[in-house]
Amino acid sequence: MEKIGTHPPYSFFKRGDELVDYLLGATESPFIILCDVNLPGETGFDIKKRLAEDSRLKYTSVPLIFWSTAASEKQIQYVYDLPAQGFFFKPSDFAELCETLETILDYWQKSQHPKRVV
């Protein structure tokens, strides 16, 4: 994040429960949520479903982008069935990783989405 010039605030969570707890206490929606598919305890898919089904959290998960090192075509299709707003592979090269992250952030900075938790 620092390499591409993104400045705090940003938060990192290792598990879905940590993200849910954070969102339940938030007074404003986050700018974006980048979520890996493979997480300890529950998958990123499970987390997205939980956020979308909870009326207290529904708009705090916009946009949710999946960001993972690998996925099958079936998993990518499932992401869009949830729905999620995108799926990107993490490049193994650091410069490409930064470029991909910058592309994602640039796009969503221009997109409109709920700013406040309802």
C-alpha atoms as a PDB file:
ATOM      1  CA  MET A   1       0.000   0.000   0.000  1.00  0.00           C
ATOM      2  CA  GLU A   2       2.815   2.385   0.838  1.00  0.00           C
ATOM      3  CA  LYS A   3       4.670   1.550  -2.384  1.00  0.00           C
ATOM      4  CA  ILE A   4       1.776   2.737  -4.571  1.00  0.00           C
ATOM      5  CA  GLY A   5       1.211   5.846  -2.472  1.00  0.00           C
ATOM      6  CA  THR A   6      -1.953   4.740  -0.672  1.00  0.00           C
ATOM      7  CA  HIS A   7      -2.168   6.401   2.682  1.00  0.00           C
ATOM      8  CA  PRO A   8      -3.956   5.206   5.804  1.00  0.00           C
ATOM      9  CA  PRO A   9      -6.491   4.600   7.056  1.00  0.00           C
ATOM     10  CA  TYR A  10      -6.514   0.963   6.081  1.00  0.00           C
ATOM     11  CA  SER A  11      -6.998  -2.145   8.139  1.00  0.00           C
ATOM     12  CA  PHE A  12      -5.981  -5.751   7.719  1.00  0.00           C
ATOM     13  CA  PHE A  13      -7.878  -8.739   9.079  1.00  0.00           C
ATOM     14  CA  LYS A  14      -6.838 -12.380   9.124  1.00  0.00           C
ATOM     15  CA  ARG A  15     -10.310 -13.804   9.672  1.00  0.00           C
ATOM     16  CA  GLY A  16     -13.874 -13.034   8.698  1.00  0.00           C
ATOM     17  CA  ASP A  17     -14.995 -12.591  12.308  1.00  0.00           C
ATOM     18  CA  GLU A  18     -12.479  -9.765  12.731  1.00  0.00           C
ATOM     19  CA  LEU A  19     -13.855  -8.011   9.637  1.00  0.00           C
ATOM     20  CA  VAL A  20     -17.479  -8.451  10.749  1.00  0.00           C
ATOM     21  CA  ASP A  21     -16.702  -7.086  14.227  1.00  0.00           C
ATOM     22  CA  TYR A  22     -14.970  -4.095  12.673  1.00  0.00           C
ATOM     23  CA  LEU A  23     -17.853  -3.384  10.280  1.00  0.00           C
ATOM     24  CA  LEU A  24     -20.466  -3.677  13.041  1.00  0.00           C
ATOM     25  CA  GLY A  25     -18.664  -0.945  14.969  1.00  0.00           C
ATOM     26  CA  ALA A  26     -17.920   1.300  11.979  1.00  0.00           C
ATOM     27  CA  THR A  27     -19.691   4.613  11.484  1.00  0.00           C
ATOM     28  CA  GLU A  28     -18.669   4.858   7.821  1.00  0.00           C
ATOM     29  CA  SER A  29     -18.419   2.244   5.095  1.00  0.00           C
ATOM     30  CA  PRO A  30     -14.920   1.302   4.030  1.00  0.00           C
ATOM     31  CA  PHE A  31     -13.715   2.479   0.635  1.00  0.00           C
ATOM     32  CA  ILE A  32     -13.088  -1.087  -0.541  1.00  0.00           C
ATOM     33  CA  ILE A  33     -12.688  -4.592   0.861  1.00  0.00           C
ATOM     34  CA  LEU A  34     -10.043  -6.845  -0.682  1.00  0.00           C
ATOM     35  CA  CYS A  35     -10.692 -10.418   0.382  1.00  0.00           C
ATOM     36  CA  ASP A  36      -8.666 -13.554  -0.233  1.00  0.00           C
ATOM     37  CA  VAL A  37     -10.538 -16.738  -1.131  1.00  0.00           C
ATOM     38  CA  ASN A  38      -8.524 -19.025   1.146  1.00  0.00           C
ATOM     39  CA  LEU A  39      -8.635 -17.876   4.747  1.00  0.00           C
ATOM     40  CA  PRO A  40      -8.319 -19.716   8.049  1.00  0.00           C
ATOM     41  CA  GLY A  41     -11.674 -20.857   9.423  1.00  0.00           C
ATOM     42  CA  GLU A  42     -13.991 -19.805   6.618  1.00  0.00           C
ATOM     43  CA  THR A  43     -13.504 -18.983   2.963  1.00  0.00           C
ATOM     44  CA  GLY A  44     -13.779 -15.529   1.467  1.00  0.00           C
ATOM     45  CA  PHE A  45     -16.974 -16.809  -0.177  1.00  0.00           C
ATOM     46  CA  ASP A  46     -18.471 -17.540   3.244  1.00  0.00           C
ATOM     47  CA  ILE A  47     -17.553 -14.062   4.433  1.00  0.00           C
ATOM     48  CA  LYS A  48     -19.156 -12.385   1.417  1.00  0.00           C
ATOM     49  CA  LYS A  49     -22.351 -14.399   1.874  1.00  0.00           C
ATOM     50  CA  ARG A  50     -22.489 -13.446   5.553  1.00  0.00           C
ATOM     51  CA  LEU A  51     -22.021  -9.749   4.770  1.00  0.00           C
ATOM     52  CA  ALA A  52     -24.650  -9.782   2.008  1.00  0.00           C
ATOM     53  CA  GLU A  53     -27.242 -11.596   4.125  1.00  0.00           C
ATOM     54  CA  ASP A  54     -26.928  -9.381   7.220  1.00  0.00           C
ATOM     55  CA  SER A  55     -29.012  -6.211   6.851  1.00  0.00           C
ATOM     56  CA  ARG A  56     -26.648  -4.389   9.235  1.00  0.00           C
ATOM     57  CA  LEU A  57     -23.679  -5.166   6.998  1.00  0.00           C
ATOM     58  CA  LYS A  58     -25.118  -5.340   3.483  1.00  0.00           C
ATOM     59  CA  TYR A  59     -23.903  -1.929   2.321  1.00  0.00           C
ATOM     60  CA  THR A  60     -20.654  -2.006   4.264  1.00  0.00           C
ATOM     61  CA  SER A  61     -19.390  -4.715   1.941  1.00  0.00           C
ATOM     62  CA  VAL A  62     -19.586  -2.578  -1.211  1.00  0.00           C
ATOM     63  CA  PRO A  63     -17.315  -2.996  -3.088  1.00  0.00           C
ATOM     64  CA  LEU A  64     -15.878  -6.368  -2.145  1.00  0.00           C
ATOM     65  CA  ILE A  65     -13.131  -7.567  -4.462  1.00  0.00           C
ATOM     66  CA  PHE A  66     -11.635 -11.039  -4.312  1.00  0.00           C
ATOM     67  CA  TRP A  67      -7.851 -11.055  -4.535  1.00  0.00           C
ATOM     68  CA  SER A  68      -6.219 -14.480  -4.554  1.00  0.00           C
ATOM     69  CA  THR A  69      -3.236 -16.424  -5.824  1.00  0.00           C
ATOM     70  CA  ALA A  70      -5.357 -19.135  -7.478  1.00  0.00           C
ATOM     71  CA  ALA A  71      -8.930 -20.114  -8.275  1.00  0.00           C
ATOM     72  CA  SER A  72     -10.761 -22.414 -10.620  1.00  0.00           C
ATOM     73  CA  GLU A  73     -13.115 -21.155 -13.322  1.00  0.00           C
ATOM     74  CA  LYS A  74     -15.993 -22.522 -11.239  1.00  0.00           C
ATOM     75  CA  GLN A  75     -14.849 -20.497  -8.201  1.00  0.00           C
ATOM     76  CA  ILE A  76     -14.594 -17.324 -10.264  1.00  0.00           C
ATOM     77  CA  GLN A  77     -18.119 -17.855 -11.592  1.00  0.00           C
ATOM     78  CA  TYR A  78     -19.311 -18.410  -8.019  1.00  0.00           C
ATOM     79  CA  VAL A  79     -17.772 -15.066  -6.980  1.00  0.00           C
ATOM     80  CA  TYR A  80     -20.001 -13.248  -9.431  1.00  0.00           C
ATOM     81  CA  ASP A  81     -23.033 -15.317  -8.390  1.00  0.00           C
ATOM     82  CA  LEU A  82     -22.628 -14.119  -4.770  1.00  0.00           C
ATOM     83  CA  PRO A  83     -22.342 -11.286  -6.103  1.00  0.00           C
ATOM     84  CA  ALA A  84     -18.935  -9.743  -5.650  1.00  0.00           C
ATOM     85  CA  GLN A  85     -17.646  -6.782  -7.592  1.00  0.00           C
ATOM     86  CA  GLY A  86     -14.517  -8.396  -8.979  1.00  0.00           C
ATOM     87  CA  PHE A  87     -11.891 -11.110  -8.881  1.00  0.00           C
ATOM     88  CA  PHE A  88      -8.187 -10.523  -9.425  1.00  0.00           C
ATOM     89  CA  PHE A  89      -5.191 -12.825  -9.253  1.00  0.00           C
ATOM     90  CA  LYS A  90      -2.267 -11.714  -7.130  1.00  0.00           C
ATOM     91  CA  PRO A  91       0.738 -11.594  -9.458  1.00  0.00           C
ATOM     92  CA  SER A  92       3.910 -13.233  -8.138  1.00  0.00           C
ATOM     93  CA  ASP A  93       6.023 -10.266  -9.274  1.00  0.00           C
ATOM     94  CA  PHE A  94       5.935  -7.371  -6.764  1.00  0.00           C
ATOM     95  CA  ALA A  95       5.869  -4.655  -9.445  1.00  0.00           C
ATOM     96  CA  GLU A  96       2.914  -6.352 -11.189  1.00  0.00           C
ATOM     97  CA  LEU A  97       1.179  -6.804  -7.835  1.00  0.00           C
ATOM     98  CA  CYS A  98       1.483  -3.065  -7.183  1.00  0.00           C
ATOM     99  CA  GLU A  99       0.213  -2.270 -10.690  1.00  0.00           C
ATOM    100  CA  THR A 100      -2.814  -4.534 -10.253  1.00  0.00           C
ATOM    101  CA  LEU A 101      -3.628  -3.066  -6.855  1.00  0.00           C
ATOM    102  CA  GLU A 102      -3.290   0.452  -8.243  1.00  0.00           C
ATOM    103  CA  THR A 103      -5.675  -0.418 -11.109  1.00  0.00           C
ATOM    104  CA  ILE A 104      -8.264  -1.765  -8.659  1.00  0.00           C
ATOM    105  CA  LEU A 105      -8.045   1.293  -6.408  1.00  0.00           C
ATOM    106  CA  ASP A 106      -8.137   3.766  -9.318  1.00  0.00           C
ATOM    107  CA  TYR A 107     -11.285   2.170 -10.702  1.00  0.00           C
ATOM    108  CA  TRP A 108     -13.140   2.183  -7.380  1.00  0.00           C
ATOM    109  CA  GLN A 109     -12.120   5.736  -6.553  1.00  0.00           C
ATOM    110  CA  LYS A 110     -14.152   6.800  -9.589  1.00  0.00           C
ATOM    111  CA  SER A 111     -17.120   4.545  -8.805  1.00  0.00           C
ATOM    112  CA  GLN A 112     -20.019   5.622  -6.609  1.00  0.00           C
ATOM    113  CA  HIS A 113     -21.116   3.498  -3.663  1.00  0.00           C
ATOM    114  CA  PRO A 114     -22.703   4.032  -0.235  1.00  0.00           C
ATOM    115  CA  LYS A 115     -20.429   6.074   1.992  1.00  0.00           C
ATOM    116  CA  ARG A 116     -22.247   5.666   5.281  1.00  0.00           C
ATOM    117  CA  VAL A 117     -23.441   2.630   7.149  1.00  0.00           C
ATOM    118  CA  VAL A 118     -27.248   2.526   7.113  1.00  0.00           C
END
